Amino acid sequence: MIEKIDTQGMSGESVKGCTDNVYPRDAEGNPIYPPANFKVWPIFDDKERAELKEIMIEALREWANETKE
């Protein structure tokens, strides 16, 4: 029976024949991880960005005018 369940691959040295979470190491012994390729998911389209920019600039101008008084 298994005494513990390793869900993160962090319980210690790798088991013979197991290749999960085994990465090549550099000259200093640090693991070389594969590149993280993130997909960009834009939240706003160009029209919405322009509208938000106008709203923010207007709010900053109002704030700047209030702080001058």
Protein backbone atom coordinates (compact mmCIF):
# COMPACT_ATOMS: atom_id res chain seq x y z
CA MET A 1 0.00 0.00 0.00
CA ILE A 2 1.15 3.56 -0.71
CA GLU A 3 2.08 5.47 2.43
CA LYS A 4 1.63 8.90 0.86
CA ILE A 5 0.35 10.40 -2.37
CA ASP A 6 2.66 12.77 -4.22
CA THR A 7 0.43 15.12 -6.24
CA GLN A 8 3.03 17.79 -6.94
CA GLY A 9 6.16 15.79 -7.62
CA MET A 10 7.82 17.39 -4.59
CA SER A 11 8.25 14.48 -2.19
CA GLY A 12 11.91 13.92 -2.86
CA GLU A 13 14.19 12.35 -5.40
CA SER A 14 12.72 10.76 -8.50
CA VAL A 15 12.03 7.05 -8.56
CA LYS A 16 14.05 4.88 -10.94
CA GLY A 17 12.24 4.77 -14.28
CA CYS A 18 10.03 7.76 -13.45
CA THR A 19 10.57 10.73 -15.79
CA ASP A 20 7.88 13.13 -14.50
CA ASN A 21 9.23 16.52 -13.40
CA VAL A 22 12.79 15.61 -14.37
CA TYR A 23 14.43 18.52 -16.21
CA PRO A 24 17.99 18.99 -17.46
CA ARG A 25 20.26 21.00 -15.19
CA ASP A 26 22.62 23.87 -15.96
CA ALA A 27 26.27 24.15 -14.86
CA GLU A 28 25.23 25.36 -11.38
CA GLY A 29 22.79 22.48 -10.87
CA ASN A 30 19.62 24.52 -11.32
CA PRO A 31 16.83 22.93 -13.39
CA ILE A 32 16.26 24.28 -16.91
CA TYR A 33 12.50 24.55 -17.34
CA PRO A 34 10.80 24.59 -20.74
CA PRO A 35 9.54 28.00 -21.90
CA ALA A 36 6.09 29.01 -20.74
CA ASN A 37 4.07 29.86 -23.82
CA PHE A 38 1.07 31.84 -22.64
CA LYS A 39 -1.77 32.68 -25.00
CA VAL A 40 -2.85 36.32 -24.84
CA TRP A 41 -6.57 36.73 -24.30
CA PRO A 42 -7.44 40.41 -24.85
CA ILE A 43 -10.26 41.54 -22.57
CA PHE A 44 -11.23 44.68 -24.48
CA ASP A 45 -11.25 45.35 -28.20
CA ASP A 46 -9.74 48.54 -29.67
CA LYS A 47 -13.02 50.49 -29.54
CA GLU A 48 -13.57 49.62 -25.87
CA ARG A 49 -9.97 50.53 -25.01
CA ALA A 50 -10.37 53.95 -26.63
CA GLU A 51 -13.61 54.55 -24.74
CA LEU A 52 -12.06 53.51 -21.42
CA LYS A 53 -9.06 55.74 -22.09
CA GLU A 54 -11.35 58.73 -22.66
CA ILE A 55 -13.27 57.99 -19.46
CA MET A 56 -10.05 57.69 -17.43
CA ILE A 57 -8.57 60.89 -18.85
CA GLU A 58 -11.81 62.75 -18.10
CA ALA A 59 -11.82 61.41 -14.52
CA LEU A 60 -8.17 62.45 -14.03
CA ARG A 61 -8.89 65.95 -15.32
CA GLU A 62 -11.84 66.29 -12.93
CA TRP A 63 -9.67 65.06 -10.05
CA ALA A 64 -6.85 67.45 -10.98
CA ASN A 65 -9.29 70.38 -11.08
CA GLU A 66 -10.70 69.46 -7.65
CA THR A 67 -7.23 69.28 -6.09
CA LYS A 68 -6.29 72.74 -7.41
CA GLU A 69 -9.22 74.40 -5.63
